Amino acid sequence: MGTGRTLRKESHVRPCKTPAGKAHKSAAQRRRLVKFGMKEEDVKLMGAEEVRVLVQRPTLVKKLVAKQA
């Protein structure tokens, strides 16, 4: 087994999140909620944290959509 640089490296150069990257991810999550059946107007009014929680639980989204219909 070696003792070279690859075994001593630590993740000091992890890339930072950029505002553009965050915006792309947030927009993709909002589009995903619309595909699940939510109204686009309702999704636009939601905050980023609420969108993230709903994207993680698609069955909850389907229940909400069924309740509204």
N, C-alpha and C. Protein backbone atom coordinates (compact mmCIF):
# COMPACT_ATOMS: atom_id res chain seq x y z
N MET A 1 0.84 -1.18 0.00
CA MET A 1 0.00 0.00 0.00
C MET A 1 0.89 1.24 0.00
N GLY A 2 0.49 2.24 -0.77
CA GLY A 2 1.31 3.43 -0.90
C GLY A 2 1.14 4.42 0.24
N THR A 3 2.06 5.38 0.27
CA THR A 3 1.98 6.44 1.27
C THR A 3 2.05 7.79 0.59
N GLY A 4 1.62 7.84 -0.64
CA GLY A 4 1.75 9.05 -1.44
C GLY A 4 0.70 10.10 -1.14
N ARG A 5 0.66 11.09 -2.00
CA ARG A 5 -0.19 12.26 -1.82
C ARG A 5 -1.67 11.90 -1.80
N THR A 6 -2.08 10.90 -2.57
CA THR A 6 -3.50 10.57 -2.65
C THR A 6 -4.06 10.10 -1.32
N LEU A 7 -3.23 9.54 -0.48
CA LEU A 7 -3.71 9.08 0.82
C LEU A 7 -3.68 10.18 1.87
N ARG A 8 -2.94 11.25 1.62
CA ARG A 8 -2.85 12.35 2.58
C ARG A 8 -3.81 13.50 2.27
N LYS A 9 -4.39 13.49 1.07
CA LYS A 9 -5.23 14.61 0.65
C LYS A 9 -6.48 14.70 1.50
N GLU A 10 -6.90 15.91 1.78
CA GLU A 10 -8.18 16.15 2.43
C GLU A 10 -9.00 17.06 1.51
N SER A 11 -10.26 17.15 1.77
CA SER A 11 -11.13 17.90 0.86
C SER A 11 -11.12 19.38 1.21
N HIS A 12 -9.98 20.02 1.04
CA HIS A 12 -9.86 21.45 1.32
C HIS A 12 -10.34 22.29 0.14
N VAL A 13 -10.48 21.69 -1.01
CA VAL A 13 -10.82 22.45 -2.20
C VAL A 13 -12.20 22.08 -2.71
N ARG A 14 -13.13 21.89 -1.80
CA ARG A 14 -14.50 21.58 -2.19
C ARG A 14 -15.10 22.82 -2.86
N PRO A 15 -15.76 22.67 -4.00
CA PRO A 15 -16.30 23.84 -4.69
C PRO A 15 -17.43 24.51 -3.92
N CYS A 16 -17.48 25.81 -3.98
CA CYS A 16 -18.52 26.58 -3.30
C CYS A 16 -19.76 26.64 -4.18
N LYS A 17 -20.91 26.80 -3.53
CA LYS A 17 -22.14 27.00 -4.28
C LYS A 17 -22.15 28.42 -4.82
N THR A 18 -22.49 28.55 -6.07
CA THR A 18 -22.59 29.88 -6.67
C THR A 18 -24.06 30.30 -6.68
N PRO A 19 -24.33 31.57 -6.68
CA PRO A 19 -25.73 32.01 -6.76
C PRO A 19 -26.43 31.51 -8.02
N ALA A 20 -25.71 31.44 -9.13
CA ALA A 20 -26.32 30.95 -10.36
C ALA A 20 -26.67 29.47 -10.23
N GLY A 21 -25.81 28.69 -9.61
CA GLY A 21 -26.08 27.27 -9.41
C GLY A 21 -27.28 27.05 -8.52
N LYS A 22 -27.38 27.86 -7.46
CA LYS A 22 -28.54 27.77 -6.56
C LYS A 22 -29.82 28.11 -7.30
N ALA A 23 -29.77 29.14 -8.14
CA ALA A 23 -30.95 29.57 -8.88
C ALA A 23 -31.40 28.48 -9.86
N HIS A 24 -30.45 27.84 -10.53
CA HIS A 24 -30.79 26.76 -11.46
C HIS A 24 -31.44 25.60 -10.73
N LYS A 25 -30.89 25.24 -9.57
CA LYS A 25 -31.43 24.12 -8.81
C LYS A 25 -32.82 24.44 -8.29
N SER A 26 -33.01 25.66 -7.81
CA SER A 26 -34.32 26.07 -7.30
C SER A 26 -35.36 26.08 -8.42
N ALA A 27 -34.98 26.56 -9.58
CA ALA A 27 -35.91 26.58 -10.72
C ALA A 27 -36.28 25.17 -11.15
N ALA A 28 -35.31 24.26 -11.12
CA ALA A 28 -35.58 22.87 -11.49
C ALA A 28 -36.54 22.22 -10.49
N GLN A 29 -36.37 22.53 -9.21
CA GLN A 29 -37.25 21.98 -8.19
C GLN A 29 -38.67 22.52 -8.34
N ARG A 30 -38.79 23.80 -8.68
CA ARG A 30 -40.12 24.38 -8.88
C ARG A 30 -40.81 23.75 -10.09
N ARG A 31 -40.05 23.52 -11.17
CA ARG A 31 -40.61 22.86 -12.35
C ARG A 31 -41.07 21.45 -12.00
N ARG A 32 -40.32 20.77 -11.14
CA ARG A 32 -40.68 19.42 -10.75
C ARG A 32 -42.00 19.41 -9.98
N LEU A 33 -42.22 20.41 -9.12
CA LEU A 33 -43.49 20.49 -8.40
C LEU A 33 -44.65 20.73 -9.35
N VAL A 34 -44.44 21.53 -10.38
CA VAL A 34 -45.50 21.77 -11.37
C VAL A 34 -45.81 20.47 -12.10
N LYS A 35 -44.79 19.67 -12.40
CA LYS A 35 -45.01 18.38 -13.06
C LYS A 35 -45.78 17.42 -12.16
N PHE A 36 -45.60 17.55 -10.85
CA PHE A 36 -46.34 16.70 -9.91
C PHE A 36 -47.82 17.05 -9.89
N GLY A 37 -48.18 18.24 -10.41
CA GLY A 37 -49.59 18.59 -10.49
C GLY A 37 -49.98 19.84 -9.74
N MET A 38 -49.02 20.50 -9.10
CA MET A 38 -49.35 21.73 -8.38
C MET A 38 -49.54 22.88 -9.37
N LYS A 39 -50.31 23.86 -8.96
CA LYS A 39 -50.52 25.04 -9.81
C LYS A 39 -49.26 25.89 -9.81
N GLU A 40 -48.95 26.43 -10.98
CA GLU A 40 -47.72 27.22 -11.13
C GLU A 40 -47.77 28.48 -10.26
N GLU A 41 -48.95 29.08 -10.11
CA GLU A 41 -49.09 30.29 -9.29
C GLU A 41 -48.78 29.99 -7.83
N ASP A 42 -49.23 28.82 -7.35
CA ASP A 42 -48.98 28.43 -5.96
C ASP A 42 -47.50 28.19 -5.72
N VAL A 43 -46.84 27.58 -6.69
CA VAL A 43 -45.42 27.28 -6.55
C VAL A 43 -44.60 28.57 -6.54
N LYS A 44 -45.00 29.56 -7.33
CA LYS A 44 -44.27 30.83 -7.36
C LYS A 44 -44.33 31.55 -6.02
N LEU A 45 -45.42 31.37 -5.28
CA LEU A 45 -45.57 32.06 -4.00
C LEU A 45 -44.83 31.37 -2.85
N MET A 46 -44.38 30.14 -3.06
CA MET A 46 -43.69 29.39 -2.00
C MET A 46 -42.26 29.88 -1.83
N GLY A 47 -41.76 29.69 -0.62
CA GLY A 47 -40.36 29.97 -0.34
C GLY A 47 -39.48 28.81 -0.75
N ALA A 48 -38.18 29.05 -0.77
CA ALA A 48 -37.23 28.03 -1.23
C ALA A 48 -37.24 26.81 -0.30
N GLU A 49 -37.34 27.03 0.99
CA GLU A 49 -37.30 25.91 1.93
C GLU A 49 -38.53 25.02 1.79
N GLU A 50 -39.69 25.64 1.61
CA GLU A 50 -40.92 24.87 1.44
C GLU A 50 -40.87 24.04 0.15
N VAL A 51 -40.30 24.61 -0.90
CA VAL A 51 -40.17 23.90 -2.17
C VAL A 51 -39.28 22.67 -1.99
N ARG A 52 -38.15 22.85 -1.28
CA ARG A 52 -37.24 21.72 -1.05
C ARG A 52 -37.91 20.60 -0.28
N VAL A 53 -38.70 20.94 0.73
CA VAL A 53 -39.38 19.92 1.53
C VAL A 53 -40.39 19.16 0.69
N LEU A 54 -41.14 19.87 -0.14
CA LEU A 54 -42.16 19.20 -0.96
C LEU A 54 -41.55 18.33 -2.05
N VAL A 55 -40.42 18.75 -2.61
CA VAL A 55 -39.79 17.95 -3.65
C VAL A 55 -39.29 16.63 -3.07
N GLN A 56 -38.91 16.64 -1.81
CA GLN A 56 -38.43 15.41 -1.16
C GLN A 56 -39.56 14.43 -0.87
N ARG A 57 -40.80 14.92 -0.84
CA ARG A 57 -41.94 14.06 -0.50
C ARG A 57 -43.03 14.15 -1.57
N PRO A 58 -42.84 13.47 -2.71
CA PRO A 58 -43.81 13.56 -3.80
C PRO A 58 -45.18 12.99 -3.44
N THR A 59 -45.25 12.02 -2.53
CA THR A 59 -46.56 11.48 -2.16
C THR A 59 -47.37 12.53 -1.42
N LEU A 60 -46.71 13.36 -0.62
CA LEU A 60 -47.39 14.45 0.07
C LEU A 60 -47.94 15.46 -0.92
N VAL A 61 -47.18 15.73 -1.97
CA VAL A 61 -47.62 16.67 -3.01
C VAL A 61 -48.86 16.12 -3.71
N LYS A 62 -48.86 14.83 -4.02
CA LYS A 62 -50.01 14.24 -4.70
C LYS A 62 -51.25 14.30 -3.82
N LYS A 63 -51.08 14.13 -2.50
CA LYS A 63 -52.21 14.24 -1.59
C LYS A 63 -52.75 15.66 -1.55
N LEU A 64 -51.84 16.65 -1.54
CA LEU A 64 -52.26 18.05 -1.53
C LEU A 64 -53.02 18.40 -2.80
N VAL A 65 -52.52 17.91 -3.92
CA VAL A 65 -53.17 18.19 -5.21
C VAL A 65 -54.56 17.54 -5.26
N ALA A 66 -54.66 16.32 -4.75
CA ALA A 66 -55.95 15.62 -4.73
C ALA A 66 -56.94 16.34 -3.83
N LYS A 67 -56.45 16.88 -2.72
CA LYS A 67 -57.33 17.58 -1.78
C LYS A 67 -57.86 18.88 -2.41
N GLN A 68 -57.02 19.56 -3.20
CA GLN A 68 -57.44 20.81 -3.84
C GLN A 68 -58.42 20.56 -4.97
N ALA A 69 -58.33 19.41 -5.62
CA ALA A 69 -59.18 19.14 -6.78
C ALA A 69 -60.57 18.68 -6.37
